[in-house]
Amino acid sequence: MFIKTQETSKEQQPENLSGQSSAKQEEEKLVNALSLYLQSIKANESQPEWIYGNSITLSSQISRFDIGTKLKEKAERLYPHSDEIARAIALLFEKQDRLEDAIEYYQKSVDLNPSQPEWVYTKLYNFLLQRKLLLQAENVRQQGEKYFPKSNSFQLISSQNVFQESTKVNLENSSTVNSLIVRETPKSIEHNVDLNVEAIRRQLMDSSIVENYEILLEQMICHVDESGKRIKTDALINCLAQIKTDIHYLKTKLLDPPAFAVDPQAKQHVDIEKIVNSSPAVPIKCELKNRIVGSGWHDAEKHGRWTGSGTLSSVVLPYPTAGKYRLEVIVKAEAKPGLLKSLRNHINDQLSSISREQKNSSFPAVIQSEITIGEQNQSFLCLDLTINETVNPQASDARLIGLLIESINLIPLT
């Protein structure tokens, strides 16, 4: 009797299976890639740590948590001090909503090797904030910013958590809020740290308001003439009074209990609204090639910004002193003939009639509108510019654009 034998084909050898797995993974054929990784591990469990890391990651991505758990046990036995394995296991737990376990393994990957990708630090920081582990979160943030000093991810995550916390407090009844405020610090850390969440929220809210006003101050009080850049004192006082009013309002309404909603610097006989509105009207010029507050715009260019990709573009301006103004919008170009004619202008959601100054359909064109500003009842003036469509100008430019706006000016009429 003869027994037919056959040598293992080159394609089925473990090293070739690993290469095929990587190729399938790059092609986003995740199930096929995982199957090939598993074949290579079955043929020889002593695979490199990156194969185990990729296999566990793929298991979590396709929700095969049973496979991922088995791979976790093998990988930790072979590579107990691998940051790559710890990072993959953290992702596996995260996909299962086991955040405490995910935190443990993300922290382990950072402890084993601090040179982690930015997303590891941001995920760990976010989860620690969600679990109110503020001291540990602060340590992670400081460590992450050492490796990624130009990143603003940590500030965005902090702001999002503050907003969610504020919304949650507003929706809960007063008894629940009181129970949160007076909750006890865990005894294990009571002698080491004071969990003062309110102070952190207050600091973040202040910095967010100041950031917005930094841009608005540039639009409102900095004017360039023959002598250079100059600042109008009255306009500066106006803005500072408004900043103080806004910060005080937000703190008293959102942060402090009503019993403590008193500005310690306030004087009983001072009329804040009278002070804010006592300054004479000043021109407000918003250069679109500089930083702006608004939405629906492409990045700044030499001659301004293109509207798009949607048909609505908005700019927020500081609320001016009451009076009559001429609104001027300088348009440098249009992506398609006729788009400028479709322009509509809303100021604080009110449609405003406009006139166009344009010689022989050439650019730049000036869009003008006369408006009346009433007594101040809010902090900002919102200008909405709407056109019928946005278009793709050429094959080499994938953007959808409409009008190229150079500047928006609000000029008081005397």
Protein backbone atom coordinates (compact mmCIF):
# COMPACT_ATOMS: atom_id res chain seq x y z
CA MET A 1 0.00 0.00 0.00
CA PHE A 2 1.32 3.39 -0.99
CA ILE A 3 0.62 6.60 1.03
CA LYS A 4 0.61 9.81 -1.06
CA THR A 5 2.45 12.66 0.66
CA GLN A 6 2.64 16.34 -0.25
CA GLU A 7 4.94 19.05 1.03
CA THR A 8 3.45 22.18 2.56
CA SER A 9 3.00 24.78 -0.17
CA LYS A 10 4.93 27.99 0.08
CA GLU A 11 1.70 29.97 0.30
CA GLN A 12 0.70 28.12 3.49
CA GLN A 13 4.02 28.63 5.28
CA PRO A 14 3.66 30.83 8.43
CA GLU A 15 5.86 33.65 7.15
CA ASN A 16 3.86 33.86 3.91
CA LEU A 17 0.55 33.75 5.82
CA SER A 18 1.68 36.78 7.82
CA GLY A 19 2.52 38.70 4.68
CA GLN A 20 -0.84 37.81 3.09
CA SER A 21 -2.62 38.89 6.30
CA SER A 22 -0.99 42.32 6.21
CA ALA A 23 -1.98 42.73 2.57
CA LYS A 24 -5.60 41.79 3.30
CA GLN A 25 -5.63 44.21 6.22
CA GLU A 26 -4.39 47.06 4.03
CA GLU A 27 -7.18 46.20 1.55
CA GLU A 28 -9.67 46.48 4.47
CA LYS A 29 -10.68 42.83 4.03
CA LEU A 30 -10.69 42.44 7.79
CA VAL A 31 -12.31 39.01 8.06
CA ASN A 32 -9.90 37.48 5.54
CA ALA A 33 -6.93 39.16 7.20
CA LEU A 34 -7.90 37.83 10.63
CA SER A 35 -8.39 34.33 9.22
CA LEU A 36 -4.87 34.34 7.77
CA TYR A 37 -3.38 35.67 11.02
CA LEU A 38 -5.13 32.88 12.93
CA GLN A 39 -3.73 30.28 10.51
CA SER A 40 -0.20 31.55 11.09
CA ILE A 41 -0.69 31.46 14.88
CA LYS A 42 -2.15 27.96 14.68
CA ALA A 43 0.88 26.78 12.70
CA ASN A 44 3.26 28.35 15.21
CA GLU A 45 2.15 30.18 18.35
CA SER A 46 5.54 31.85 18.71
CA GLN A 47 4.62 34.62 16.29
CA PRO A 48 5.99 38.18 16.62
CA GLU A 49 4.08 40.50 18.94
CA TRP A 50 2.85 42.66 16.03
CA ILE A 51 0.92 39.67 14.63
CA TYR A 52 -0.86 39.20 17.94
CA GLY A 53 -1.46 42.94 18.20
CA ASN A 54 -2.99 43.09 14.71
CA SER A 55 -5.07 39.97 15.34
CA ILE A 56 -6.57 41.32 18.58
CA THR A 57 -7.27 44.68 16.91
CA LEU A 58 -9.02 43.01 13.98
CA SER A 59 -11.08 40.85 16.35
CA SER A 60 -12.36 43.98 18.08
CA GLN A 61 -13.06 45.79 14.80
CA ILE A 62 -15.32 42.99 13.52
CA SER A 63 -16.81 42.34 16.99
CA ARG A 64 -15.38 38.82 17.35
CA PHE A 65 -14.70 39.34 21.02
CA ASP A 66 -14.52 35.58 21.69
CA ILE A 67 -11.53 35.29 19.37
CA GLY A 68 -9.97 38.45 20.78
CA THR A 69 -10.21 37.13 24.35
CA LYS A 70 -8.44 33.87 23.44
CA LEU A 71 -5.72 35.78 21.59
CA LYS A 72 -5.32 38.10 24.59
CA GLU A 73 -4.48 35.18 26.87
CA LYS A 74 -1.87 33.79 24.47
CA ALA A 75 -0.35 37.20 23.75
CA GLU A 76 0.00 38.17 27.41
CA ARG A 77 1.63 34.85 28.18
CA LEU A 78 4.20 35.33 25.40
CA TYR A 79 4.69 39.12 25.67
CA PRO A 80 3.74 40.32 29.18
CA HIS A 81 5.71 43.58 28.75
CA SER A 82 4.62 44.60 25.24
CA ASP A 83 3.04 48.03 24.88
CA GLU A 84 1.73 47.03 21.44
CA ILE A 85 -0.19 44.09 22.93
CA ALA A 86 -1.50 46.23 25.79
CA ARG A 87 -2.73 48.86 23.30
CA ALA A 88 -4.59 46.24 21.25
CA ILE A 89 -6.19 44.72 24.37
CA ALA A 90 -7.31 48.20 25.46
CA LEU A 91 -9.07 48.65 22.13
CA LEU A 92 -10.72 45.22 22.54
CA PHE A 93 -12.13 46.23 25.94
CA GLU A 94 -13.18 49.64 24.62
CA LYS A 95 -15.24 48.01 21.85
CA GLN A 96 -17.01 45.96 24.55
CA ASP A 97 -17.77 49.14 26.57
CA ARG A 98 -15.58 47.84 29.40
CA LEU A 99 -14.06 51.27 30.01
CA GLU A 100 -12.40 50.48 33.35
CA ASP A 101 -10.50 47.61 31.75
CA ALA A 102 -9.72 49.75 28.69
CA ILE A 103 -8.31 52.48 30.96
CA GLU A 104 -6.12 49.91 32.73
CA TYR A 105 -4.56 48.67 29.47
CA TYR A 106 -4.22 52.07 27.80
CA GLN A 107 -2.41 53.20 30.95
CA LYS A 108 -0.27 50.05 30.83
CA SER A 109 0.76 50.77 27.22
CA VAL A 110 1.80 54.31 28.20
CA ASP A 111 3.70 53.09 31.25
CA LEU A 112 5.56 50.47 29.19
CA ASN A 113 6.41 52.91 26.41
CA PRO A 114 5.52 56.63 26.73
CA SER A 115 6.16 57.13 22.98
CA GLN A 116 2.58 56.21 22.05
CA PRO A 117 0.43 57.59 19.19
CA GLU A 118 -1.54 60.71 20.05
CA TRP A 119 -4.87 58.85 19.91
CA VAL A 120 -3.80 56.62 22.82
CA TYR A 121 -3.23 59.64 25.06
CA THR A 122 -6.48 61.35 23.98
CA LYS A 123 -8.59 58.20 24.48
CA LEU A 124 -7.09 57.57 27.91
CA TYR A 125 -7.56 61.24 28.89
CA ASN A 126 -11.20 61.21 27.73
CA PHE A 127 -12.06 57.99 29.57
CA LEU A 128 -10.43 59.24 32.78
CA LEU A 129 -12.47 62.45 32.63
CA GLN A 130 -15.65 60.44 32.07
CA ARG A 131 -14.84 58.40 35.19
CA LYS A 132 -14.07 61.60 37.18
CA LEU A 133 -10.46 60.50 37.72
CA LEU A 134 -9.26 64.07 37.42
CA LEU A 135 -5.81 63.81 38.97
CA GLN A 136 -4.90 60.83 36.80
CA ALA A 137 -6.38 62.59 33.74
CA GLU A 138 -4.27 65.68 34.41
CA ASN A 139 -1.11 63.57 34.59
CA VAL A 140 -1.96 61.94 31.24
CA ARG A 141 -2.65 65.35 29.67
CA GLN A 142 0.70 66.76 30.82
CA GLN A 143 2.54 63.69 29.57
CA GLY A 144 0.71 63.73 26.22
CA GLU A 145 1.39 67.43 25.65
CA LYS A 146 5.12 66.79 26.10
CA TYR A 147 5.03 64.47 23.09
CA PHE A 148 2.44 66.46 21.10
CA PRO A 149 2.96 70.14 22.08
CA LYS A 150 1.10 71.53 19.06
CA SER A 151 -2.03 69.41 19.54
CA ASN A 152 -5.28 70.97 20.77
CA SER A 153 -7.04 67.60 21.20
CA PHE A 154 -6.84 67.72 25.00
CA GLN A 155 -8.48 71.16 25.15
CA LEU A 156 -11.31 70.00 22.84
CA ILE A 157 -11.93 66.91 24.96
CA SER A 158 -12.00 69.03 28.13
CA SER A 159 -14.51 71.44 26.57
CA GLN A 160 -16.76 68.59 25.41
CA ASN A 161 -16.76 67.01 28.87
CA VAL A 162 -17.54 70.37 30.50
CA PHE A 163 -20.45 70.91 28.10
CA GLN A 164 -21.83 67.40 28.72
CA GLU A 165 -21.50 67.86 32.47
CA SER A 166 -23.26 71.23 32.32
CA THR A 167 -26.10 69.81 30.21
CA LYS A 168 -26.50 66.86 32.56
CA VAL A 169 -26.72 69.16 35.58
CA ASN A 170 -29.36 71.33 33.90
CA LEU A 171 -31.52 68.31 33.09
CA GLU A 172 -31.37 66.77 36.58
CA ASN A 173 -33.57 67.98 39.41
CA SER A 174 -32.19 70.11 42.19
CA SER A 175 -31.97 67.25 44.68
CA THR A 176 -29.75 65.25 42.32
CA VAL A 177 -27.56 68.29 41.69
CA ASN A 178 -27.14 68.84 45.43
CA SER A 179 -26.17 65.21 45.91
CA LEU A 180 -23.49 65.58 43.23
CA ILE A 181 -22.08 68.72 44.79
CA VAL A 182 -21.77 67.23 48.27
CA ARG A 183 -20.56 63.78 47.18
CA GLU A 184 -17.70 62.48 49.29
CA THR A 185 -14.16 62.09 48.02
CA PRO A 186 -13.08 58.41 48.00
CA LYS A 187 -11.30 57.69 51.29
CA SER A 188 -8.33 56.14 49.49
CA ILE A 189 -7.37 59.53 48.03
CA GLU A 190 -9.15 61.96 50.34
CA HIS A 191 -5.89 63.03 52.00
CA ASN A 192 -4.14 63.58 48.63
CA VAL A 193 -6.51 65.51 46.36
CA ASP A 194 -9.48 67.85 46.42
CA LEU A 195 -11.88 67.06 43.56
CA ASN A 196 -12.93 70.63 42.75
CA VAL A 197 -14.78 70.12 39.44
CA GLU A 198 -16.48 73.52 39.62
CA ALA A 199 -13.15 75.37 39.55
CA ILE A 200 -12.03 73.48 36.43
CA ARG A 201 -15.32 74.18 34.65
CA ARG A 202 -15.09 77.86 35.53
CA GLN A 203 -11.55 78.11 34.18
CA LEU A 204 -12.47 76.40 30.89
CA MET A 205 -15.52 78.62 30.42
CA ASP A 206 -13.45 81.77 30.97
CA SER A 207 -10.79 80.69 28.46
CA SER A 208 -13.42 79.81 25.84
CA ILE A 209 -15.08 83.24 26.10
CA VAL A 210 -11.76 85.06 25.99
CA GLU A 211 -10.72 83.12 22.86
CA ASN A 212 -13.87 84.29 21.03
CA TYR A 213 -13.39 87.87 22.14
CA GLU A 214 -9.75 87.82 21.09
CA ILE A 215 -10.95 87.46 17.51
CA LEU A 216 -13.79 89.95 17.91
CA LEU A 217 -11.49 92.58 19.39
CA GLU A 218 -9.30 92.39 16.29
CA GLN A 219 -12.39 93.00 14.15
CA MET A 220 -13.79 95.84 16.22
CA ILE A 221 -11.11 98.05 17.72
CA CYS A 222 -7.94 97.63 15.62
CA HIS A 223 -7.90 100.11 12.74
CA VAL A 224 -5.06 100.66 10.29
CA ASP A 225 -4.44 104.14 8.85
CA GLU A 226 -1.45 106.14 7.63
CA SER A 227 0.12 106.17 11.11
CA GLY A 228 -0.20 102.40 11.49
CA LYS A 229 -2.44 100.26 13.69
CA ARG A 230 -4.34 102.14 16.38
CA ILE A 231 -6.90 101.28 19.04
CA LYS A 232 -9.92 103.37 19.96
CA THR A 233 -10.17 103.75 23.73
CA ASP A 234 -13.98 103.98 23.78
CA ALA A 235 -14.30 100.82 21.73
CA LEU A 236 -11.92 98.99 24.05
CA ILE A 237 -13.95 100.02 27.11
CA ASN A 238 -17.09 98.88 25.33
CA CYS A 239 -15.63 95.44 24.64
CA LEU A 240 -14.20 94.98 28.12
CA ALA A 241 -17.55 95.86 29.68
CA GLN A 242 -19.24 93.33 27.41
CA ILE A 243 -16.71 90.60 28.26
CA LYS A 244 -17.27 91.19 31.97
CA THR A 245 -21.05 91.10 31.51
CA ASP A 246 -20.96 87.85 29.51
CA ILE A 247 -18.59 86.02 31.86
CA HIS A 248 -20.59 87.10 34.90
CA TYR A 249 -23.86 86.00 33.26
CA LEU A 250 -22.53 82.57 32.33
CA LYS A 251 -20.97 81.98 35.73
CA THR A 252 -24.09 82.94 37.63
CA LYS A 253 -26.50 81.06 35.35
CA LEU A 254 -24.50 77.89 34.70
CA LEU A 255 -21.89 77.45 37.41
CA ASP A 256 -22.83 78.93 40.77
CA PRO A 257 -25.96 78.13 42.79
CA PRO A 258 -28.47 81.04 42.79
CA ALA A 259 -27.67 81.89 46.41
CA PHE A 260 -24.09 82.76 45.43
CA ALA A 261 -24.87 84.49 42.12
CA VAL A 262 -23.45 87.86 43.11
CA ASP A 263 -20.46 89.49 41.45
CA PRO A 264 -18.17 90.52 44.34
CA GLN A 265 -16.85 93.44 42.29
CA ALA A 266 -20.29 94.76 41.32
CA LYS A 267 -21.57 98.10 42.59
CA GLN A 268 -25.27 98.40 43.27
CA HIS A 269 -25.70 101.78 41.62
CA VAL A 270 -23.87 101.08 38.35
CA ASP A 271 -26.01 100.63 35.23
CA ILE A 272 -23.99 98.18 33.09
CA GLU A 273 -26.23 98.56 30.01
CA LYS A 274 -25.82 102.34 30.11
CA ILE A 275 -22.03 102.00 30.25
CA VAL A 276 -21.91 99.55 27.34
CA ASN A 277 -24.16 101.66 25.11
CA SER A 278 -22.65 105.04 25.97
CA SER A 279 -19.73 104.79 23.53
CA PRO A 280 -20.09 106.34 20.07
CA ALA A 281 -20.60 104.04 17.12
CA VAL A 282 -17.36 102.78 15.57
CA PRO A 283 -16.76 101.01 12.23
CA ILE A 284 -16.48 97.23 12.41
CA LYS A 285 -14.32 95.67 9.71
CA CYS A 286 -14.03 91.91 9.33
CA GLU A 287 -11.21 90.85 7.00
CA LEU A 288 -11.99 87.35 5.73
CA LYS A 289 -8.31 86.54 5.13
CA ASN A 290 -7.76 86.81 8.91
CA ARG A 291 -9.26 84.75 11.72
CA ILE A 292 -13.05 84.97 11.92
CA VAL A 293 -15.92 83.70 14.03
CA GLY A 294 -18.38 81.91 11.76
CA SER A 295 -19.12 78.79 9.73
CA GLY A 296 -19.56 77.67 6.13
CA TRP A 297 -16.22 78.97 4.81
CA HIS A 298 -13.13 77.48 3.20
CA ASP A 299 -9.63 78.28 4.46
CA ALA A 300 -8.36 81.84 4.20
CA GLU A 301 -6.52 82.84 1.00
CA LYS A 302 -4.69 85.93 -0.22
CA HIS A 303 -7.90 87.73 -1.25
CA GLY A 304 -10.31 86.43 1.41
CA ARG A 305 -12.36 83.24 1.78
CA TRP A 306 -14.62 81.24 -0.52
CA THR A 307 -18.11 80.42 0.71
CA GLY A 308 -18.91 76.70 0.76
CA SER A 309 -19.22 73.82 0.68
CA GLY A 310 -22.85 74.52 1.56
CA THR A 311 -24.92 77.44 0.29
CA LEU A 312 -25.08 79.21 3.69
CA SER A 313 -22.05 81.02 5.19
CA SER A 314 -22.22 82.92 8.48
CA VAL A 315 -20.09 85.51 10.25
CA VAL A 316 -20.51 86.62 13.86
CA LEU A 317 -19.69 90.29 14.59
CA PRO A 318 -19.63 92.13 17.92
CA TYR A 319 -22.98 93.79 18.57
CA PRO A 320 -22.54 97.47 17.66
CA THR A 321 -23.85 100.58 19.38
CA ALA A 322 -27.45 101.39 18.47
CA GLY A 323 -27.89 103.49 15.33
CA LYS A 324 -27.99 103.38 11.53
CA TYR A 325 -25.26 101.56 9.60
CA ARG A 326 -24.23 100.73 6.06
CA LEU A 327 -23.27 97.10 5.61
CA GLU A 328 -20.68 96.54 2.87
CA VAL A 329 -19.65 93.13 1.57
CA ILE A 330 -16.66 93.17 -0.82
CA VAL A 331 -16.89 90.28 -3.32
CA LYS A 332 -13.69 89.49 -5.25
CA ALA A 333 -14.95 86.70 -7.52
CA GLU A 334 -17.68 84.15 -8.19
CA ALA A 335 -17.16 80.47 -9.01
CA LYS A 336 -19.89 80.52 -11.66
CA PRO A 337 -21.43 83.41 -13.59
CA GLY A 338 -24.67 84.55 -11.99
CA LEU A 339 -24.01 83.33 -8.44
CA LEU A 340 -23.62 86.87 -7.12
CA LYS A 341 -27.12 87.75 -8.36
CA SER A 342 -28.57 84.97 -6.19
CA LEU A 343 -27.01 86.35 -2.98
CA ARG A 344 -29.42 86.91 -0.05
CA ASN A 345 -28.50 88.54 3.23
CA HIS A 346 -30.00 87.88 6.67
CA ILE A 347 -29.03 89.81 9.79
CA ASN A 348 -30.05 88.05 13.00
CA ASP A 349 -32.44 85.91 10.94
CA GLN A 350 -34.08 88.99 9.36
CA LEU A 351 -33.90 89.30 5.57
CA SER A 352 -32.21 92.56 4.52
CA SER A 353 -32.60 94.25 1.13
CA ILE A 354 -29.30 94.73 -0.73
CA SER A 355 -27.93 96.72 -3.65
CA ARG A 356 -24.97 95.82 -5.87
CA GLU A 357 -22.24 98.09 -7.21
CA GLN A 358 -20.52 96.35 -10.12
CA LYS A 359 -19.10 97.82 -13.33
CA ASN A 360 -19.68 95.73 -16.47
CA SER A 361 -20.01 92.53 -14.45
CA SER A 362 -16.37 92.87 -13.34
CA PHE A 363 -14.95 92.33 -9.89
CA PRO A 364 -14.54 93.39 -7.15
CA ALA A 365 -18.23 94.03 -6.51
CA VAL A 366 -19.67 95.86 -3.51
CA ILE A 367 -22.87 94.62 -1.88
CA GLN A 368 -24.52 97.28 0.27
CA SER A 369 -27.40 97.36 2.70
CA GLU A 370 -28.63 100.01 5.14
CA ILE A 371 -29.66 98.62 8.51
CA THR A 372 -30.85 100.00 11.84
CA ILE A 373 -29.37 98.54 15.01
CA GLY A 374 -31.59 98.75 18.07
CA GLU A 375 -30.60 98.85 21.71
CA GLN A 376 -28.27 96.02 22.65
CA ASN A 377 -30.15 92.86 23.65
CA GLN A 378 -27.47 90.28 22.90
CA SER A 379 -23.70 89.99 22.60
CA PHE A 380 -23.25 89.30 18.90
CA LEU A 381 -24.65 90.20 15.51
CA CYS A 382 -25.01 87.24 13.12
CA LEU A 383 -24.74 87.81 9.36
CA ASP A 384 -25.91 84.98 7.05
CA LEU A 385 -24.99 85.02 3.33
CA THR A 386 -26.95 82.57 1.15
CA ILE A 387 -26.55 81.72 -2.54
CA ASN A 388 -28.42 79.27 -4.77
CA GLU A 389 -25.61 76.73 -5.20
CA THR A 390 -21.93 75.98 -4.89
CA VAL A 391 -19.92 74.46 -7.73
CA ASN A 392 -16.71 72.59 -8.44
CA PRO A 393 -14.69 75.12 -10.48
CA GLN A 394 -12.18 72.75 -12.10
CA ALA A 395 -11.06 69.14 -12.08
CA SER A 396 -7.94 69.90 -10.05
CA ASP A 397 -9.97 71.60 -7.28
CA ALA A 398 -12.28 69.24 -5.42
CA ARG A 399 -13.90 72.00 -3.34
CA LEU A 400 -17.48 73.20 -3.72
CA ILE A 401 -17.26 77.00 -3.68
CA GLY A 402 -19.49 79.99 -4.33
CA LEU A 403 -18.35 83.59 -3.74
CA LEU A 404 -14.89 84.84 -2.75
CA ILE A 405 -15.49 87.42 0.02
CA GLU A 406 -12.68 89.84 0.86
CA SER A 407 -14.20 91.77 3.78
CA ILE A 408 -17.42 92.66 5.58
CA ASN A 409 -17.72 96.19 6.92
CA LEU A 410 -20.29 97.77 9.23
CA ILE A 411 -20.01 101.55 8.85
CA PRO A 412 -22.03 103.96 11.08
CA LEU A 413 -24.06 106.60 9.24
CA THR A 414 -23.90 110.08 10.79
